């Protein structure tokens, strides 16, 4: 990983940062380094325990038989052929829906 360090006049940073008064007329050290952005991984074991207790596969089979459309390949979940990337994307979508549902319930006063 490449890291850059430079000593500069603090005023040069004022267009980007709010410089504290105690630093305004001094020189400061600036360090720049890249960060690795990683998406949080789903704990597959915990998810599988939940699936077993909820019986997700039977639920999906029933919903598919009823004609329900999903925004993921439900058949892959049923067959156990869903890739790690597909599972991660599905879980992120589920978390978003859960958050929206909780927010809606909070707005409606359902949690009061």
PDB file of N, CA and C in Angstrom:
ATOM      1  N   UNK A   1       0.851  -1.164   0.000  1.00  0.00           N
ATOM      2  CA  UNK A   1       0.000   0.000   0.000  1.00  0.00           C
ATOM      3  C   UNK A   1       0.901   1.232   0.000  1.00  0.00           C
ATOM      4  N   UNK A   2       0.600   2.141  -0.867  1.00  0.00           N
ATOM      5  CA  UNK A   2       1.375   3.375  -0.962  1.00  0.00           C
ATOM      6  C   UNK A   2       0.773   4.436  -0.034  1.00  0.00           C
ATOM      7  N   UNK A   3       1.649   5.100   0.722  1.00  0.00           N
ATOM      8  CA  UNK A   3       1.222   6.157   1.633  1.00  0.00           C
ATOM      9  C   UNK A   3       2.021   7.410   1.321  1.00  0.00           C
ATOM     10  N   UNK A   4       1.331   8.537   1.269  1.00  0.00           N
ATOM     11  CA  UNK A   4       1.985   9.819   1.038  1.00  0.00           C
ATOM     12  C   UNK A   4       1.856  10.669   2.290  1.00  0.00           C
ATOM     13  N   UNK A   5       2.938  11.319   2.667  1.00  0.00           N
ATOM     14  CA  UNK A   5       2.916  12.231   3.807  1.00  0.00           C
ATOM     15  C   UNK A   5       3.561  13.529   3.368  1.00  0.00           C
ATOM     16  N   UNK A   6       2.921  14.638   3.723  1.00  0.00           N
ATOM     17  CA  UNK A   6       3.466  15.944   3.351  1.00  0.00           C
ATOM     18  C   UNK A   6       3.155  16.940   4.455  1.00  0.00           C
ATOM     19  N   UNK A   7       4.092  17.855   4.680  1.00  0.00           N
ATOM     20  CA  UNK A   7       3.883  18.938   5.642  1.00  0.00           C
ATOM     21  C   UNK A   7       3.541  20.179   4.840  1.00  0.00           C
ATOM     22  N   UNK A   8       2.381  20.776   5.178  1.00  0.00           N
ATOM     23  CA  UNK A   8       1.917  21.952   4.435  1.00  0.00           C
ATOM     24  C   UNK A   8       1.356  22.994   5.393  1.00  0.00           C
ATOM     25  N   UNK A   9       1.102  24.210   4.869  1.00  0.00           N
ATOM     26  CA  UNK A   9       0.432  25.249   5.653  1.00  0.00           C
ATOM     27  C   UNK A   9      -1.034  24.849   5.810  1.00  0.00           C
ATOM     28  N   UNK A  10      -1.529  24.953   7.010  1.00  0.00           N
ATOM     29  CA  UNK A  10      -2.901  24.534   7.316  1.00  0.00           C
ATOM     30  C   UNK A  10      -3.934  25.270   6.474  1.00  0.00           C
ATOM     31  N   UNK A  11      -3.648  26.521   6.129  1.00  0.00           N
ATOM     32  CA  UNK A  11      -4.607  27.303   5.326  1.00  0.00           C
ATOM     33  C   UNK A  11      -4.916  26.643   3.987  1.00  0.00           C
ATOM     34  N   UNK A  12      -3.983  25.868   3.474  1.00  0.00           N
ATOM     35  CA  UNK A  12      -4.220  25.192   2.188  1.00  0.00           C
ATOM     36  C   UNK A  12      -5.337  24.154   2.288  1.00  0.00           C
ATOM     37  N   UNK A  13      -5.594  23.694   3.494  1.00  0.00           N
ATOM     38  CA  UNK A  13      -6.653  22.699   3.698  1.00  0.00           C
ATOM     39  C   UNK A  13      -8.020  23.311   3.963  1.00  0.00           C
ATOM     40  N   UNK A  14      -8.055  24.612   4.209  1.00  0.00           N
ATOM     41  CA  UNK A  14      -9.320  25.244   4.604  1.00  0.00           C
ATOM     42  C   UNK A  14     -10.443  25.111   3.575  1.00  0.00           C
ATOM     43  N   UNK A  15     -10.168  25.013   2.271  1.00  0.00           N
ATOM     44  CA  UNK A  15     -11.288  24.781   1.349  1.00  0.00           C
ATOM     45  C   UNK A  15     -11.917  23.382   1.514  1.00  0.00           C
ATOM     46  N   UNK A  16     -11.182  22.463   2.142  1.00  0.00           N
ATOM     47  CA  UNK A  16     -11.654  21.080   2.263  1.00  0.00           C
ATOM     48  C   UNK A  16     -12.100  20.758   3.680  1.00  0.00           C
ATOM     49  N   UNK A  17     -11.337  21.241   4.676  1.00  0.00           N
ATOM     50  CA  UNK A  17     -11.598  20.927   6.081  1.00  0.00           C
ATOM     51  C   UNK A  17     -11.837  22.199   6.875  1.00  0.00           C
ATOM     52  N   UNK A  18     -12.595  22.064   7.955  1.00  0.00           N
ATOM     53  CA  UNK A  18     -12.719  23.164   8.915  1.00  0.00           C
ATOM     54  C   UNK A  18     -11.501  23.054   9.818  1.00  0.00           C
ATOM     55  N   UNK A  19     -10.624  24.015   9.706  1.00  0.00           N
ATOM     56  CA  UNK A  19      -9.378  24.003  10.468  1.00  0.00           C
ATOM     57  C   UNK A  19      -9.619  24.650  11.825  1.00  0.00           C
ATOM     58  N   UNK A  20      -9.272  23.981  12.924  1.00  0.00           N
ATOM     59  CA  UNK A  20      -9.431  24.598  14.250  1.00  0.00           C
ATOM     60  C   UNK A  20      -8.580  25.860  14.356  1.00  0.00           C
ATOM     61  N   UNK A  21      -9.053  26.839  15.111  1.00  0.00           N
ATOM     62  CA  UNK A  21      -8.328  28.104  15.269  1.00  0.00           C
ATOM     63  C   UNK A  21      -6.897  27.878  15.741  1.00  0.00           C
ATOM     64  N   UNK A  22      -6.694  26.889  16.576  1.00  0.00           N
ATOM     65  CA  UNK A  22      -5.352  26.643  17.113  1.00  0.00           C
ATOM     66  C   UNK A  22      -4.375  26.152  16.048  1.00  0.00           C
ATOM     67  N   UNK A  23      -4.873  25.720  14.904  1.00  0.00           N
ATOM     68  CA  UNK A  23      -4.003  25.209  13.835  1.00  0.00           C
ATOM     69  C   UNK A  23      -3.935  26.130  12.621  1.00  0.00           C
ATOM     70  N   UNK A  24      -4.791  27.133  12.554  1.00  0.00           N
ATOM     71  CA  UNK A  24      -4.928  27.933  11.340  1.00  0.00           C
ATOM     72  C   UNK A  24      -3.629  28.529  10.812  1.00  0.00           C
ATOM     73  N   UNK A  25      -2.771  28.997  11.642  1.00  0.00           N
ATOM     74  CA  UNK A  25      -1.551  29.668  11.179  1.00  0.00           C
ATOM     75  C   UNK A  25      -0.324  28.833  11.475  1.00  0.00           C
ATOM     76  N   UNK A  26      -0.460  27.521  11.251  1.00  0.00           N
ATOM     77  CA  UNK A  26       0.667  26.637  11.511  1.00  0.00           C
ATOM     78  C   UNK A  26       0.828  25.670  10.341  1.00  0.00           C
ATOM     79  N   UNK A  27       1.845  24.880  10.445  1.00  0.00           N
ATOM     80  CA  UNK A  27       2.081  23.843   9.444  1.00  0.00           C
ATOM     81  C   UNK A  27       1.546  22.526  10.024  1.00  0.00           C
ATOM     82  N   UNK A  28       0.989  21.714   9.162  1.00  0.00           N
ATOM     83  CA  UNK A  28       0.421  20.443   9.599  1.00  0.00           C
ATOM     84  C   UNK A  28       0.938  19.318   8.712  1.00  0.00           C
ATOM     85  N   UNK A  29       0.899  18.141   9.260  1.00  0.00           N
ATOM     86  CA  UNK A  29       1.288  16.971   8.481  1.00  0.00           C
ATOM     87  C   UNK A  29       0.030  16.307   7.943  1.00  0.00           C
ATOM     88  N   UNK A  30       0.031  16.033   6.659  1.00  0.00           N
ATOM     89  CA  UNK A  30      -1.104  15.389   6.002  1.00  0.00           C
ATOM     90  C   UNK A  30      -0.633  14.027   5.506  1.00  0.00           C
ATOM     91  N   UNK A  31      -1.385  13.002   5.842  1.00  0.00           N
ATOM     92  CA  UNK A  31      -1.084  11.646   5.379  1.00  0.00           C
ATOM     93  C   UNK A  31      -2.234  11.178   4.510  1.00  0.00           C
ATOM     94  N   UNK A  32      -1.885  10.658   3.355  1.00  0.00           N
ATOM     95  CA  UNK A  32      -2.895  10.148   2.421  1.00  0.00           C
ATOM     96  C   UNK A  32      -2.576   8.689   2.152  1.00  0.00           C
ATOM     97  N   UNK A  33      -3.596   7.859   2.324  1.00  0.00           N
ATOM     98  CA  UNK A  33      -3.429   6.444   2.021  1.00  0.00           C
ATOM     99  C   UNK A  33      -4.739   5.922   1.460  1.00  0.00           C
ATOM    100  N   UNK A  34      -4.666   4.981   0.551  1.00  0.00           N
ATOM    101  CA  UNK A  34      -5.904   4.412   0.003  1.00  0.00           C
ATOM    102  C   UNK A  34      -6.591   3.532   1.032  1.00  0.00           C
ATOM    103  N   UNK A  35      -7.879   3.468   0.927  1.00  0.00           N
ATOM    104  CA  UNK A  35      -8.625   2.550   1.786  1.00  0.00           C
ATOM    105  C   UNK A  35      -9.244   1.486   0.892  1.00  0.00           C
ATOM    106  N   UNK A  36      -9.382   0.321   1.446  1.00  0.00           N
ATOM    107  CA  UNK A  36     -10.009  -0.760   0.721  1.00  0.00           C
ATOM    108  C   UNK A  36     -11.461  -0.816   1.141  1.00  0.00           C
ATOM    109  N   UNK A  37     -12.346  -0.585   0.203  1.00  0.00           N
ATOM    110  CA  UNK A  37     -13.760  -0.660   0.528  1.00  0.00           C
ATOM    111  C   UNK A  37     -14.215  -2.094   0.352  1.00  0.00           C
ATOM    112  N   UNK A  38     -14.731  -2.658   1.402  1.00  0.00           N
ATOM    113  CA  UNK A  38     -15.235  -4.018   1.332  1.00  0.00           C
ATOM    114  C   UNK A  38     -16.691  -4.015   1.766  1.00  0.00           C
ATOM    115  N   UNK A  39     -17.456  -4.827   1.109  1.00  0.00           N
ATOM    116  CA  UNK A  39     -18.849  -4.979   1.482  1.00  0.00           C
ATOM    117  C   UNK A  39     -18.903  -5.992   2.619  1.00  0.00           C
ATOM    118  N   UNK A  40     -19.718  -5.710   3.620  1.00  0.00           N
ATOM    119  CA  UNK A  40     -19.787  -6.667   4.717  1.00  0.00           C
ATOM    120  C   UNK A  40     -20.282  -8.022   4.231  1.00  0.00           C
ATOM    121  N   UNK A  41     -19.665  -9.053   4.726  1.00  0.00           N
ATOM    122  CA  UNK A  41     -20.050 -10.411   4.357  1.00  0.00           C
ATOM    123  C   UNK A  41     -21.165 -10.894   5.276  1.00  0.00           C
ATOM    124  N   UNK A  42     -22.000 -11.697   4.729  1.00  0.00           N
ATOM    125  CA  UNK A  42     -23.062 -12.309   5.502  1.00  0.00           C
ATOM    126  C   UNK A  42     -22.493 -13.572   6.129  1.00  0.00           C
ATOM    127  N   UNK A  43     -22.775 -13.786   7.377  1.00  0.00           N
ATOM    128  CA  UNK A  43     -22.346 -14.998   8.040  1.00  0.00           C
ATOM    129  C   UNK A  43     -23.213 -16.127   7.501  1.00  0.00           C
ATOM    130  N   UNK A  44     -22.631 -16.909   6.606  1.00  0.00           N
ATOM    131  CA  UNK A  44     -23.395 -17.956   5.924  1.00  0.00           C
ATOM    132  C   UNK A  44     -23.973 -18.964   6.916  1.00  0.00           C
ATOM    133  N   UNK A  45     -23.222 -19.320   7.957  1.00  0.00           N
ATOM    134  CA  UNK A  45     -23.734 -20.282   8.937  1.00  0.00           C
ATOM    135  C   UNK A  45     -24.978 -19.749   9.643  1.00  0.00           C
ATOM    136  N   UNK A  46     -24.929 -18.484  10.045  1.00  0.00           N
ATOM    137  CA  UNK A  46     -26.085 -17.893  10.726  1.00  0.00           C
ATOM    138  C   UNK A  46     -27.280 -17.831   9.779  1.00  0.00           C
ATOM    139  N   UNK A  47     -27.021 -17.487   8.531  1.00  0.00           N
ATOM    140  CA  UNK A  47     -28.101 -17.413   7.555  1.00  0.00           C
ATOM    141  C   UNK A  47     -28.703 -18.798   7.317  1.00  0.00           C
ATOM    142  N   UNK A  48     -27.852 -19.809   7.228  1.00  0.00           N
ATOM    143  CA  UNK A  48     -28.368 -21.163   7.026  1.00  0.00           C
ATOM    144  C   UNK A  48     -29.174 -21.647   8.232  1.00  0.00           C
ATOM    145  N   UNK A  49     -28.743 -21.309   9.456  1.00  0.00           N
ATOM    146  CA  UNK A  49     -29.527 -21.675  10.650  1.00  0.00           C
ATOM    147  C   UNK A  49     -30.903 -21.026  10.587  1.00  0.00           C
ATOM    148  N   UNK A  50     -30.929 -19.747  10.195  1.00  0.00           N
ATOM    149  CA  UNK A  50     -32.204 -19.046  10.070  1.00  0.00           C
ATOM    150  C   UNK A  50     -33.067 -19.715   9.009  1.00  0.00           C
ATOM    151  N   UNK A  51     -32.462 -20.021   7.867  1.00  0.00           N
ATOM    152  CA  UNK A  51     -33.220 -20.663   6.794  1.00  0.00           C
ATOM    153  C   UNK A  51     -33.829 -21.981   7.262  1.00  0.00           C
ATOM    154  N   UNK A  52     -33.036 -22.785   7.994  1.00  0.00           N
ATOM    155  CA  UNK A  52     -33.549 -24.074   8.469  1.00  0.00           C
ATOM    156  C   UNK A  52     -34.701 -23.872   9.441  1.00  0.00           C
ATOM    157  N   UNK A  53     -34.570 -22.902  10.334  1.00  0.00           N
ATOM    158  CA  UNK A  53     -35.636 -22.685  11.311  1.00  0.00           C
ATOM    159  C   UNK A  53     -36.878 -22.099  10.650  1.00  0.00           C
ATOM    160  N   UNK A  54     -36.695 -21.322   9.627  1.00  0.00           N
ATOM    161  CA  UNK A  54     -37.816 -20.685   8.931  1.00  0.00           C
ATOM    162  C   UNK A  54     -38.350 -21.568   7.817  1.00  0.00           C
ATOM    163  N   UNK A  55     -37.560 -22.515   7.343  1.00  0.00           N
ATOM    164  CA  UNK A  55     -37.886 -23.377   6.219  1.00  0.00           C
ATOM    165  C   UNK A  55     -38.111 -22.536   4.964  1.00  0.00           C
ATOM    166  N   UNK A  56     -37.098 -21.727   4.659  1.00  0.00           N
ATOM    167  CA  UNK A  56     -37.144 -20.805   3.527  1.00  0.00           C
ATOM    168  C   UNK A  56     -37.431 -21.520   2.215  1.00  0.00           C
ATOM    169  N   UNK A  57     -36.816 -22.673   2.032  1.00  0.00           N
ATOM    170  CA  UNK A  57     -36.985 -23.368   0.748  1.00  0.00           C
ATOM    171  C   UNK A  57     -38.448 -23.748   0.506  1.00  0.00           C
ATOM    172  N   UNK A  58     -39.109 -24.285   1.531  1.00  0.00           N
ATOM    173  CA  UNK A  58     -40.531 -24.631   1.370  1.00  0.00           C
ATOM    174  C   UNK A  58     -41.372 -23.375   1.147  1.00  0.00           C
ATOM    175  N   UNK A  59     -41.027 -22.297   1.859  1.00  0.00           N
ATOM    176  CA  UNK A  59     -41.742 -21.034   1.689  1.00  0.00           C
ATOM    177  C   UNK A  59     -41.602 -20.529   0.249  1.00  0.00           C
ATOM    178  N   UNK A  60     -40.376 -20.577  -0.279  1.00  0.00           N
ATOM    179  CA  UNK A  60     -40.154 -20.128  -1.656  1.00  0.00           C
ATOM    180  C   UNK A  60     -40.892 -21.015  -2.649  1.00  0.00           C
ATOM    181  N   UNK A  61     -40.867 -22.324  -2.434  1.00  0.00           N
ATOM    182  CA  UNK A  61     -41.600 -23.247  -3.322  1.00  0.00           C
ATOM    183  C   UNK A  61     -43.078 -22.887  -3.360  1.00  0.00           C
ATOM    184  N   UNK A  62     -43.659 -22.639  -2.184  1.00  0.00           N
ATOM    185  CA  UNK A  62     -45.076 -22.294  -2.101  1.00  0.00           C
ATOM    186  C   UNK A  62     -45.359 -20.991  -2.833  1.00  0.00           C
ATOM    187  N   UNK A  63     -44.516 -19.993  -2.600  1.00  0.00           N
ATOM    188  CA  UNK A  63     -44.741 -18.689  -3.235  1.00  0.00           C
ATOM    189  C   UNK A  63     -44.574 -18.770  -4.746  1.00  0.00           C
ATOM    190  N   UNK A  64     -43.602 -19.547  -5.220  1.00  0.00           N
ATOM    191  CA  UNK A  64     -43.448 -19.719  -6.665  1.00  0.00           C
ATOM    192  C   UNK A  64     -44.670 -20.398  -7.261  1.00  0.00           C
ATOM    193  N   UNK A  65     -45.219 -21.400  -6.556  1.00  0.00           N
ATOM    194  CA  UNK A  65     -46.426 -22.091  -7.022  1.00  0.00           C
ATOM    195  C   UNK A  65     -47.620 -21.146  -7.085  1.00  0.00           C
ATOM    196  N   UNK A  66     -47.611 -20.128  -6.188  1.00  0.00           N
ATOM    197  CA  UNK A  66     -48.686 -19.129  -6.176  1.00  0.00           C
ATOM    198  C   UNK A  66     -48.474 -18.050  -7.232  1.00  0.00           C
ATOM    199  N   UNK A  67     -47.335 -18.111  -7.939  1.00  0.00           N
ATOM    200  CA  UNK A  67     -47.064 -17.139  -8.994  1.00  0.00           C
ATOM    201  C   UNK A  67     -46.340 -15.878  -8.540  1.00  0.00           C
ATOM    202  N   UNK A  68     -45.837 -15.892  -7.321  1.00  0.00           N
ATOM    203  CA  UNK A  68     -45.109 -14.733  -6.811  1.00  0.00           C
ATOM    204  C   UNK A  68     -43.792 -14.598  -7.571  1.00  0.00           C
ATOM    205  N   UNK A  69     -43.450 -13.374  -7.962  1.00  0.00           N
ATOM    206  CA  UNK A  69     -42.198 -13.083  -8.663  1.00  0.00           C
ATOM    207  C   UNK A  69     -41.214 -12.488  -7.668  1.00  0.00           C
ATOM    208  N   UNK A  70     -39.971 -12.933  -7.716  1.00  0.00           N
ATOM    209  CA  UNK A  70     -38.925 -12.423  -6.845  1.00  0.00           C
ATOM    210  C   UNK A  70     -37.900 -11.664  -7.675  1.00  0.00           C
ATOM    211  N   UNK A  71     -37.155 -10.771  -7.028  1.00  0.00           N
ATOM    212  CA  UNK A  71     -36.106 -10.053  -7.744  1.00  0.00           C
ATOM    213  C   UNK A  71     -34.763 -10.777  -7.613  1.00  0.00           C
ATOM    214  N   UNK A  72     -34.813 -12.058  -7.294  1.00  0.00           N
ATOM    215  CA  UNK A  72     -33.643 -12.924  -7.261  1.00  0.00           C
ATOM    216  C   UNK A  72     -34.091 -14.290  -7.774  1.00  0.00           C
ATOM    217  N   UNK A  73     -33.159 -15.141  -8.082  1.00  0.00           N
ATOM    218  CA  UNK A  73     -33.484 -16.459  -8.618  1.00  0.00           C
ATOM    219  C   UNK A  73     -33.839 -17.400  -7.465  1.00  0.00           C
ATOM    220  N   UNK A  74     -35.102 -17.453  -7.138  1.00  0.00           N
ATOM    221  CA  UNK A  74     -35.577 -18.270  -6.013  1.00  0.00           C
ATOM    222  C   UNK A  74     -35.282 -19.745  -6.239  1.00  0.00           C
ATOM    223  N   UNK A  75     -35.304 -20.181  -7.483  1.00  0.00           N
ATOM    224  CA  UNK A  75     -35.042 -21.595  -7.765  1.00  0.00           C
ATOM    225  C   UNK A  75     -33.624 -21.983  -7.367  1.00  0.00           C
ATOM    226  N   UNK A  76     -32.661 -21.052  -7.538  1.00  0.00           N
ATOM    227  CA  UNK A  76     -31.283 -21.330  -7.126  1.00  0.00           C
ATOM    228  C   UNK A  76     -31.193 -21.493  -5.603  1.00  0.00           C
ATOM    229  N   UNK A  77     -31.981 -20.710  -4.882  1.00  0.00           N
ATOM    230  CA  UNK A  77     -31.996 -20.841  -3.418  1.00  0.00           C
ATOM    231  C   UNK A  77     -32.563 -22.208  -3.050  1.00  0.00           C
ATOM    232  N   UNK A  78     -33.643 -22.592  -3.703  1.00  0.00           N
ATOM    233  CA  UNK A  78     -34.284 -23.880  -3.439  1.00  0.00           C
ATOM    234  C   UNK A  78     -33.329 -25.031  -3.759  1.00  0.00           C
ATOM    235  N   UNK A  79     -32.640 -24.923  -4.907  1.00  0.00           N
ATOM    236  CA  UNK A  79     -31.740 -25.990  -5.350  1.00  0.00           C
ATOM    237  C   UNK A  79     -30.401 -25.987  -4.616  1.00  0.00           C
ATOM    238  N   UNK A  80     -30.101 -24.888  -3.919  1.00  0.00           N
ATOM    239  CA  UNK A  80     -28.808 -24.786  -3.244  1.00  0.00           C
ATOM    240  C   UNK A  80     -27.668 -24.438  -4.181  1.00  0.00           C
ATOM    241  N   UNK A  81     -27.983 -23.836  -5.331  1.00  0.00           N
ATOM    242  CA  UNK A  81     -26.951 -23.506  -6.321  1.00  0.00           C
ATOM    243  C   UNK A  81     -26.652 -22.009  -6.381  1.00  0.00           C
ATOM    244  N   UNK A  82     -27.207 -21.254  -5.458  1.00  0.00           N
ATOM    245  CA  UNK A  82     -26.970 -19.812  -5.412  1.00  0.00           C
ATOM    246  C   UNK A  82     -25.493 -19.565  -5.102  1.00  0.00           C
ATOM    247  N   UNK A  83     -24.846 -18.671  -5.890  1.00  0.00           N
ATOM    248  CA  UNK A  83     -23.436 -18.362  -5.652  1.00  0.00           C
ATOM    249  C   UNK A  83     -23.300 -17.432  -4.458  1.00  0.00           C
ATOM    250  N   UNK A  84     -22.091 -17.337  -3.931  1.00  0.00           N
ATOM    251  CA  UNK A  84     -21.826 -16.433  -2.807  1.00  0.00           C
ATOM    252  C   UNK A  84     -22.198 -15.000  -3.177  1.00  0.00           C
ATOM    253  N   UNK A  85     -21.828 -14.571  -4.377  1.00  0.00           N
ATOM    254  CA  UNK A  85     -22.129 -13.203  -4.821  1.00  0.00           C
ATOM    255  C   UNK A  85     -23.637 -12.976  -4.908  1.00  0.00           C
ATOM    256  N   UNK A  86     -24.369 -13.941  -5.434  1.00  0.00           N
ATOM    257  CA  UNK A  86     -25.825 -13.824  -5.528  1.00  0.00           C
ATOM    258  C   UNK A  86     -26.459 -13.775  -4.136  1.00  0.00           C
ATOM    259  N   UNK A  87     -25.941 -14.609  -3.230  1.00  0.00           N
ATOM    260  CA  UNK A  87     -26.466 -14.630  -1.874  1.00  0.00           C
ATOM    261  C   UNK A  87     -26.216 -13.285  -1.186  1.00  0.00           C
ATOM    262  N   UNK A  88     -25.022 -12.727  -1.364  1.00  0.00           N
ATOM    263  CA  UNK A  88     -24.697 -11.439  -0.757  1.00  0.00           C
ATOM    264  C   UNK A  88     -25.627 -10.347  -1.299  1.00  0.00           C
ATOM    265  N   UNK A  89     -25.842 -10.333  -2.608  1.00  0.00           N
ATOM    266  CA  UNK A  89     -26.716  -9.327  -3.222  1.00  0.00           C
ATOM    267  C   UNK A  89     -28.151  -9.474  -2.715  1.00  0.00           C
ATOM    268  N   UNK A  90     -28.614 -10.726  -2.590  1.00  0.00           N
ATOM    269  CA  UNK A  90     -29.975 -10.963  -2.099  1.00  0.00           C
ATOM    270  C   UNK A  90     -30.112 -10.509  -0.653  1.00  0.00           C
ATOM    271  N   UNK A  91     -29.102 -10.800   0.157  1.00  0.00           N
ATOM    272  CA  UNK A  91     -29.169 -10.411   1.558  1.00  0.00           C
ATOM    273  C   UNK A  91     -29.155  -8.891   1.693  1.00  0.00           C
ATOM    274  N   UNK A  92     -28.326  -8.194   0.893  1.00  0.00           N
ATOM    275  CA  UNK A  92     -28.317  -6.718   0.949  1.00  0.00           C
ATOM    276  C   UNK A  92     -29.688  -6.161   0.570  1.00  0.00           C
ATOM    277  N   UNK A  93     -30.322  -6.759  -0.431  1.00  0.00           N
ATOM    278  CA  UNK A  93     -31.668  -6.313  -0.834  1.00  0.00           C
ATOM    279  C   UNK A  93     -32.668  -6.574   0.290  1.00  0.00           C
ATOM    280  N   UNK A  94     -32.549  -7.734   0.955  1.00  0.00           N
ATOM    281  CA  UNK A  94     -33.448  -8.056   2.070  1.00  0.00           C
ATOM    282  C   UNK A  94     -33.273  -7.056   3.209  1.00  0.00           C
ATOM    283  N   UNK A  95     -32.026  -6.725   3.527  1.00  0.00           N
ATOM    284  CA  UNK A  95     -31.774  -5.770   4.604  1.00  0.00           C
ATOM    285  C   UNK A  95     -32.397  -4.418   4.281  1.00  0.00           C
ATOM    286  N   UNK A  96     -32.330  -4.014   3.015  1.00  0.00           N
ATOM    287  CA  UNK A  96     -32.917  -2.733   2.604  1.00  0.00           C
ATOM    288  C   UNK A  96     -34.434  -2.770   2.802  1.00  0.00           C
ATOM    289  N   UNK A  97     -35.053  -3.863   2.400  1.00  0.00           N
ATOM    290  CA  UNK A  97     -36.506  -4.002   2.554  1.00  0.00           C
ATOM    291  C   UNK A  97     -36.879  -4.009   4.031  1.00  0.00           C
ATOM    292  N   UNK A  98     -36.087  -4.730   4.850  1.00  0.00           N
ATOM    293  CA  UNK A  98     -36.375  -4.764   6.279  1.00  0.00           C
ATOM    294  C   UNK A  98     -36.314  -3.357   6.872  1.00  0.00           C
ATOM    295  N   UNK A  99     -35.279  -2.598   6.499  1.00  0.00           N
ATOM    296  CA  UNK A  99     -35.127  -1.235   7.021  1.00  0.00           C
ATOM    297  C   UNK A  99     -36.304  -0.358   6.599  1.00  0.00           C
ATOM    298  N   UNK A 100     -36.727  -0.494   5.349  1.00  0.00           N
ATOM    299  CA  UNK A 100     -37.872   0.285   4.861  1.00  0.00           C
ATOM    300  C   UNK A 100     -39.145  -0.104   5.608  1.00  0.00           C
ATOM    301  N   UNK A 101     -39.320  -1.395   5.875  1.00  0.00           N
ATOM    302  CA  UNK A 101     -40.493  -1.876   6.592  1.00  0.00           C
ATOM    303  C   UNK A 101     -40.516  -1.329   8.021  1.00  0.00           C
ATOM    304  N   UNK A 102     -39.373  -1.376   8.690  1.00  0.00           N
ATOM    305  CA  UNK A 102     -39.294  -0.857  10.057  1.00  0.00           C
ATOM    306  C   UNK A 102     -39.579   0.640  10.072  1.00  0.00           C
ATOM    307  N   UNK A 103     -39.017   1.374   9.112  1.00  0.00           N
ATOM    308  CA  UNK A 103     -39.252   2.819   9.046  1.00  0.00           C
ATOM    309  C   UNK A 103     -40.736   3.116   8.822  1.00  0.00           C
ATOM    310  N   UNK A 104     -41.370   2.364   7.954  1.00  0.00           N
ATOM    311  CA  UNK A 104     -42.799   2.555   7.687  1.00  0.00           C
ATOM    312  C   UNK A 104     -43.628   2.253   8.932  1.00  0.00           C
ATOM    313  N   UNK A 105     -43.277   1.183   9.636  1.00  0.00           N
ATOM    314  CA  UNK A 105     -44.009   0.841  10.857  1.00  0.00           C
ATOM    315  C   UNK A 105     -43.817   1.915  11.927  1.00  0.00           C
ATOM    316  N   UNK A 106     -42.607   2.472  11.999  1.00  0.00           N
ATOM    317  CA  UNK A 106     -42.338   3.536  12.972  1.00  0.00           C
ATOM    318  C   UNK A 106     -43.156   4.783  12.633  1.00  0.00           C
ATOM    319  N   UNK A 107     -43.239   5.115  11.335  1.00  0.00           N
ATOM    320  CA  UNK A 107     -44.021   6.289  10.922  1.00  0.00           C
ATOM    321  C   UNK A 107     -45.500   6.099  11.221  1.00  0.00           C
ATOM    322  N   UNK A 108     -45.968   4.863  11.087  1.00  0.00           N
ATOM    323  CA  UNK A 108     -47.395   4.603  11.315  1.00  0.00           C
ATOM    324  C   UNK A 108     -47.726   4.464  12.800  1.00  0.00           C
ATOM    325  N   UNK A 109     -46.696   4.441  13.647  1.00  0.00           N
ATOM    326  CA  UNK A 109     -46.932   4.305  15.081  1.00  0.00           C
ATOM    327  C   UNK A 109     -47.138   2.876  15.526  1.00  0.00           C
ATOM    328  N   UNK A 110     -46.838   1.922  14.654  1.00  0.00           N
ATOM    329  CA  UNK A 110     -47.057   0.513  14.982  1.00  0.00           C
ATOM    330  C   UNK A 110     -46.188   0.056  16.139  1.00  0.00           C
ATOM    331  N   UNK A 111     -45.058   0.733  16.387  1.00  0.00           N
ATOM    332  CA  UNK A 111     -44.163   0.329  17.471  1.00  0.00           C
ATOM    333  C   UNK A 111     -44.441   1.068  18.763  1.00  0.00           C
ATOM    334  N   UNK A 112     -45.441   1.931  18.793  1.00  0.00           N
ATOM    335  CA  UNK A 112     -45.738   2.683  20.007  1.00  0.00           C
ATOM    336  C   UNK A 112     -46.324   1.815  21.083  1.00  0.00           C
TER     337      UNK A 112
END
